[in-house]
Protein backbone atom coordinates (compact mmCIF):
# COMPACT_ATOMS: atom_id res chain seq x y z
CA UNK A 1 -17.59 14.82 33.88
CA UNK A 2 -17.27 18.05 35.94
CA UNK A 3 -17.00 15.90 39.13
CA UNK A 4 -14.36 13.64 37.48
CA UNK A 5 -12.37 16.70 36.27
CA UNK A 6 -12.45 18.21 39.75
CA UNK A 7 -11.52 14.95 41.40
CA UNK A 8 -8.59 14.54 38.89
CA UNK A 9 -7.33 17.99 39.60
CA UNK A 10 -7.66 17.51 43.38
CA UNK A 11 -5.81 14.26 43.30
CA UNK A 12 -3.15 15.74 41.02
CA UNK A 13 -2.53 18.63 43.40
CA UNK A 14 -2.41 16.13 46.35
CA UNK A 15 0.33 13.88 44.86
CA UNK A 16 2.38 16.84 43.40
CA UNK A 17 2.55 18.45 46.86
CA UNK A 18 4.32 15.43 48.36
CA UNK A 19 8.10 15.34 48.05
CA UNK A 20 9.27 11.96 49.55
CA UNK A 21 9.45 9.07 47.05
CA UNK A 22 7.64 6.48 49.15
CA UNK A 23 4.81 8.84 50.03
CA UNK A 24 4.38 9.90 46.42
CA UNK A 25 4.30 6.26 45.19
CA UNK A 26 1.63 5.38 47.81
CA UNK A 27 -0.35 8.46 47.02
CA UNK A 28 -0.30 7.77 43.31
CA UNK A 29 -1.68 4.21 43.74
CA UNK A 30 -4.33 5.36 46.29
CA UNK A 31 -5.46 8.14 43.93
CA UNK A 32 -5.64 5.85 40.93
CA UNK A 33 -7.95 3.48 42.86
CA UNK A 34 -10.13 6.29 44.08
CA UNK A 35 -10.33 7.84 40.61
CA UNK A 36 -11.37 4.69 38.85
CA UNK A 37 -13.40 3.03 41.69
CA UNK A 38 -11.27 -0.14 41.27
CA UNK A 39 -10.66 -2.73 44.00
CA UNK A 40 -6.85 -2.82 43.62
CA UNK A 41 -4.04 -0.66 42.42
CA UNK A 42 -0.40 -1.21 41.64
CA UNK A 43 2.65 0.69 40.39
CA UNK A 44 5.17 -1.41 38.51
CA UNK A 45 8.67 -0.46 37.76
CA UNK A 46 11.42 -2.12 35.72
CA UNK A 47 14.23 -3.84 37.61
CA UNK A 48 17.33 -2.76 35.72
CA UNK A 49 19.16 -5.78 37.08
CA UNK A 50 16.84 -8.58 36.05
CA UNK A 51 14.75 -6.81 33.39
CA UNK A 52 11.58 -7.84 35.16
CA UNK A 53 8.73 -5.70 36.49
CA UNK A 54 8.24 -5.48 40.23
CA UNK A 55 5.53 -3.90 42.30
CA UNK A 56 7.04 -0.74 43.88
CA UNK A 57 3.67 0.40 45.52
CA UNK A 58 0.23 -1.17 45.86
CA UNK A 59 -3.27 -0.81 47.20
CA UNK A 60 -5.19 -3.67 48.71
CA UNK A 61 -2.69 -6.33 47.81
CA UNK A 62 -1.14 -8.66 50.45
CA UNK A 63 2.33 -7.84 51.53
CA UNK A 64 3.79 -11.18 50.76
CA UNK A 65 2.30 -11.04 47.26
CA UNK A 66 3.79 -7.62 46.62
CA UNK A 67 7.22 -8.61 47.86
CA UNK A 68 7.40 -11.66 45.61
CA UNK A 69 5.62 -10.34 42.56
CA UNK A 70 7.66 -10.36 39.32
CA UNK A 71 6.55 -10.15 35.77
CA UNK A 72 8.62 -10.57 32.64
CA UNK A 73 8.59 -7.66 30.16
CA UNK A 74 8.63 -9.92 27.06
CA UNK A 75 5.57 -12.05 27.97
CA UNK A 76 3.03 -10.03 29.99
CA UNK A 77 0.39 -7.45 29.48
CA UNK A 78 2.30 -4.90 31.61
CA UNK A 79 5.38 -5.67 29.50
CA UNK A 80 3.40 -4.82 26.32
CA UNK A 81 2.55 -1.48 27.86
CA UNK A 82 6.26 -0.92 28.63
CA UNK A 83 7.34 -1.79 25.11
CA UNK A 84 4.45 -0.02 23.24
CA UNK A 85 3.88 2.98 25.45
CA UNK A 86 0.01 2.63 25.10
CA UNK A 87 -2.63 1.91 27.72
CA UNK A 88 -4.19 -1.58 27.76
CA UNK A 89 -7.71 -2.37 28.93
CA UNK A 90 -8.89 -5.92 29.64
CA UNK A 91 -12.67 -6.19 30.01
CA UNK A 92 -14.70 -8.52 32.11
CA UNK A 93 -16.03 -10.73 29.31
CA UNK A 94 -13.98 -13.56 30.85
CA UNK A 95 -11.34 -13.60 33.69
CA UNK A 96 -7.78 -13.12 32.48
CA UNK A 97 -4.93 -14.97 34.02
CA UNK A 98 -2.29 -12.25 34.55
CA UNK A 99 -0.14 -14.23 36.82
CA UNK A 100 -0.38 -17.59 38.59
CA UNK A 101 -3.20 -17.30 41.29
CA UNK A 102 -4.01 -13.84 40.03
CA UNK A 103 -7.29 -13.74 38.20
CA UNK A 104 -9.13 -10.51 37.37
CA UNK A 105 -12.49 -9.51 36.04
CA UNK A 106 -11.18 -6.31 34.52
CA UNK A 107 -7.74 -4.64 34.38
CA UNK A 108 -6.33 -1.35 33.20
CA UNK A 109 -2.66 -0.51 32.68
CA UNK A 110 -1.32 2.92 31.62
CA UNK A 111 2.31 3.76 30.92
CA UNK A 112 4.45 6.13 32.98
CA UNK A 113 6.58 8.06 30.49
CA UNK A 114 9.25 10.73 30.98
CA UNK A 115 10.85 12.38 27.98
CA UNK A 116 9.47 9.60 25.75
CA UNK A 117 10.83 6.79 27.86
CA UNK A 118 8.43 4.42 29.58
CA UNK A 119 9.91 3.57 33.03
CA UNK A 120 6.85 1.97 34.67
CA UNK A 121 3.20 1.02 34.62
CA UNK A 122 0.28 2.23 36.74
CA UNK A 123 -2.52 -0.37 36.91
CA UNK A 124 -5.90 -0.86 38.53
CA UNK A 125 -8.12 -3.94 38.50
CA UNK A 126 -11.32 -5.57 39.80
CA UNK A 127 -10.66 -9.09 40.90
CA UNK A 128 -13.96 -9.91 42.56
CA UNK A 129 -16.38 -7.22 41.29
CA UNK A 130 -17.77 -7.48 37.83
CA UNK A 131 -17.98 -3.71 37.51
CA UNK A 132 -16.20 -2.98 34.18
CA UNK A 133 -13.38 -0.64 33.62
CA UNK A 134 -14.12 1.43 30.48
CA UNK A 135 -12.57 3.75 27.99
CA UNK A 136 -13.59 6.56 30.23
CA UNK A 137 -11.34 5.16 32.98
CA UNK A 138 -8.55 4.87 30.39
CA UNK A 139 -8.81 8.55 29.67
CA UNK A 140 -8.94 9.49 33.34
CA UNK A 141 -6.00 7.31 34.29
CA UNK A 142 -3.92 8.49 31.27
CA UNK A 143 -4.50 12.05 32.40
CA UNK A 144 -3.69 11.19 35.89
CA UNK A 145 -0.46 9.47 34.91
CA UNK A 146 0.86 12.88 33.72
CA UNK A 147 0.42 14.21 37.31
CA UNK A 148 2.05 11.07 38.62
CA UNK A 149 5.12 11.32 36.47
CA UNK A 150 5.51 15.05 37.47
CA UNK A 151 5.13 14.11 41.11
CA UNK A 152 7.74 11.31 40.84
CA UNK A 153 10.21 13.57 39.06
CA UNK A 154 9.77 16.29 41.72
CA UNK A 155 10.26 13.75 44.49
CA UNK A 156 13.41 12.36 42.74
CA UNK A 157 14.86 15.85 42.34
CA UNK A 158 14.01 16.71 45.95
CA UNK A 159 15.70 13.51 47.02
CA UNK A 160 18.81 14.31 45.00
CA UNK A 161 18.98 17.81 46.31
CA UNK A 162 18.49 16.68 49.84
CA UNK A 163 21.20 14.07 49.53
CA UNK A 164 23.61 16.64 48.07
CA UNK A 165 22.91 19.01 50.91
CA UNK A 166 23.36 16.32 53.55
CA UNK A 167 26.64 15.43 51.86
CA UNK A 168 27.75 19.05 51.91
CA UNK A 169 26.67 19.55 55.51
CA UNK A 170 28.65 16.43 56.48
CA UNK A 171 31.76 17.78 54.79
CA UNK A 172 31.37 21.19 56.30
CA UNK A 173 30.76 19.65 59.76
CA UNK A 174 33.87 17.53 59.50
CA UNK A 175 36.42 20.16 58.41
CA UNK A 176 38.27 22.13 61.07
CA UNK A 177 38.06 25.49 59.28
CA UNK A 178 35.19 27.69 60.05
CA UNK A 179 32.81 28.37 57.13
CA UNK A 180 30.02 30.97 56.96
CA UNK A 181 27.79 31.29 53.88
CA UNK A 182 26.03 34.64 53.37
CA UNK A 183 23.45 35.28 50.70
CA UNK A 184 23.23 38.33 48.47
CA UNK A 185 21.07 40.12 51.03
CA UNK A 186 23.77 39.51 53.68
CA UNK A 187 21.64 36.93 55.48
CA UNK A 188 23.16 33.79 56.87
CA UNK A 189 22.70 30.63 54.87
CA UNK A 190 25.05 28.29 56.78
CA UNK A 191 27.35 28.47 59.73
CA UNK A 192 29.33 25.19 60.33
CA UNK A 193 30.16 23.89 63.80
CA UNK A 194 33.71 25.18 63.73
CA UNK A 195 32.58 28.72 63.04
CA UNK A 196 30.06 28.50 65.87
CA UNK A 197 32.79 27.36 68.28
CA UNK A 198 35.00 30.24 67.25
CA UNK A 199 32.40 32.82 68.03
CA UNK A 200 30.83 30.91 70.97
CA UNK A 201 27.51 30.53 69.18
CA UNK A 202 25.22 27.92 70.75
CA UNK A 203 24.87 24.83 68.57
CA UNK A 204 21.04 24.80 68.95
CA UNK A 205 20.46 28.39 67.77
CA UNK A 206 18.77 28.75 64.38
CA UNK A 207 21.09 31.16 62.56
CA UNK A 208 19.93 30.55 59.01
CA UNK A 209 18.01 33.59 57.73
CA UNK A 210 19.34 36.09 60.29
CA UNK A 211 21.12 39.20 59.18
CA UNK A 212 24.97 38.77 59.24
CA UNK A 213 25.48 41.90 61.34
CA UNK A 214 23.06 40.77 63.99
CA UNK A 215 25.14 37.62 64.68
CA UNK A 216 28.62 38.91 63.98
CA UNK A 217 29.11 42.37 65.49
CA UNK A 218 32.87 42.50 65.09
CA UNK A 219 34.10 45.23 62.81
CA UNK A 220 36.63 42.99 61.21
CA UNK A 221 33.90 40.57 60.07
CA UNK A 222 31.56 43.27 58.89
CA UNK A 223 34.35 44.86 56.91
CA UNK A 224 35.09 41.57 55.09
CA UNK A 225 31.45 41.24 53.91
CA UNK A 226 31.32 44.88 52.58
CA UNK A 227 34.73 44.87 51.04
CA UNK A 228 35.03 45.20 47.21
CA UNK A 229 35.68 41.87 45.34
CA UNK A 230 39.32 40.84 45.33
CA UNK A 231 40.43 43.72 47.45
CA UNK A 232 42.93 43.51 50.32
CA UNK A 233 40.03 44.35 52.64
CA UNK A 234 38.54 40.92 51.84
CA UNK A 235 41.34 39.25 53.87
CA UNK A 236 41.98 39.95 57.54
CA UNK A 237 43.39 38.51 60.77
CA UNK A 238 40.98 38.19 63.52
CA UNK A 239 41.53 37.33 67.27
CA UNK A 240 38.36 36.49 69.20
CA UNK A 241 40.42 36.07 72.32
CA UNK A 242 44.02 36.19 73.61
CA UNK A 243 44.64 32.45 72.73
CA UNK A 244 43.69 32.26 69.09
CA UNK A 245 44.35 34.01 65.85
CA UNK A 246 42.42 33.36 62.65
CA UNK A 247 43.08 34.17 59.01
CA UNK A 248 39.70 35.19 57.58
CA UNK A 249 38.85 35.51 53.93
CA UNK A 250 35.63 36.39 52.17
CA UNK A 251 35.09 35.14 48.63
CA UNK A 252 32.10 35.76 46.35
CA UNK A 253 30.20 32.77 44.97
CA UNK A 254 28.03 33.63 41.88
CA UNK A 255 24.37 33.04 42.41
CA UNK A 256 24.89 32.37 46.21
CA UNK A 257 26.48 35.34 47.86
CA UNK A 258 29.70 35.08 49.81
CA UNK A 259 31.59 32.48 51.73
CA UNK A 260 33.71 33.50 54.72
CA UNK A 261 36.41 31.01 55.76
CA UNK A 262 38.28 31.05 59.02
CA UNK A 263 41.65 29.34 59.33
CA UNK A 264 43.36 28.96 62.75
CA UNK A 265 46.93 30.35 62.37
CA UNK A 266 47.64 30.50 66.08
CA UNK A 267 50.52 27.98 65.72
CA UNK A 268 52.05 30.02 62.97
CA UNK A 269 52.00 33.09 65.14
CA UNK A 270 53.63 31.20 67.91
CA UNK A 271 56.35 29.99 65.53
CA UNK A 272 56.95 33.60 64.35
CA UNK A 273 57.16 34.71 67.93
CA UNK A 274 59.64 31.99 68.79
CA UNK A 275 61.78 32.81 65.69
CA UNK A 276 61.73 36.52 66.66
CA UNK A 277 62.75 35.65 70.25
CA UNK A 278 65.51 33.31 69.00
CA UNK A 279 67.00 35.92 66.66
CA UNK A 280 66.83 38.62 69.41
CA UNK A 281 68.60 36.25 71.92
CA UNK A 282 71.30 35.28 69.38
CA UNK A 283 71.81 38.88 68.47
CA UNK A 284 72.24 39.93 72.15
CA UNK A 285 74.53 36.99 72.97
CA UNK A 286 76.75 37.73 69.93
CA UNK A 287 76.86 41.47 70.59
CA UNK A 288 78.06 41.16 74.22
CA UNK A 289 81.36 39.30 73.50
CA UNK A 290 82.07 41.37 70.38
CA UNK A 291 81.76 44.53 72.44
């Protein structure tokens, strides 16, 4: 029992430390087979489109079988587990026909539940061996399924966060304005390509985590970060060279830090200069004949 508990804890730590969905699913099935000593393992999920169960991950099953495997929820042992939310054990008193060309000596299914909703089934079976699966294995696999659900939820959340981060990075990469994100300790969290170009920062440099003042030595930039919230000092014009002028603004983001945005206003400055020159020229040309 001590060995089984230690094995359960070790396998639980192993799968909960994995964050990619496919790796987690494979690790869960491998661990279930290892924990029970069964020949085969499978993880079945509900296809929301057809209402059938399909094999999302497997151990020791042929690839063609896995790809074509489908079970109805209404008329199958796995479907009973989905509907009832209780483990199901088939002993080896006689082979049970689970699916055409799929005979087993013993079979164990346990539900995968999250917030009271059964979304899948974790199963192990012995097809050739007559070694029985017992209530002890039911207890072990039920306990392990709790780790499995946590691992799957962690992987799903990680996948969602990664997708949102990638989406955000794609947006920030595509916009022409420079964007710099600084955390509450004034360390860089993100510098988009436009901001890197403005300050001639190499694209390959790892800036995240560096102190803001180490990367941006300009007094105008430091003043923005240290300015009081909503003060005039949080807005400035900055000219990194003779050819460009930027309107720079720092805005606080609760729970994140600050976001510094840089908008190229060079064309506005040129228009203002042209307007000033035009007014000056007209004034001169009118003044001369009047005199």
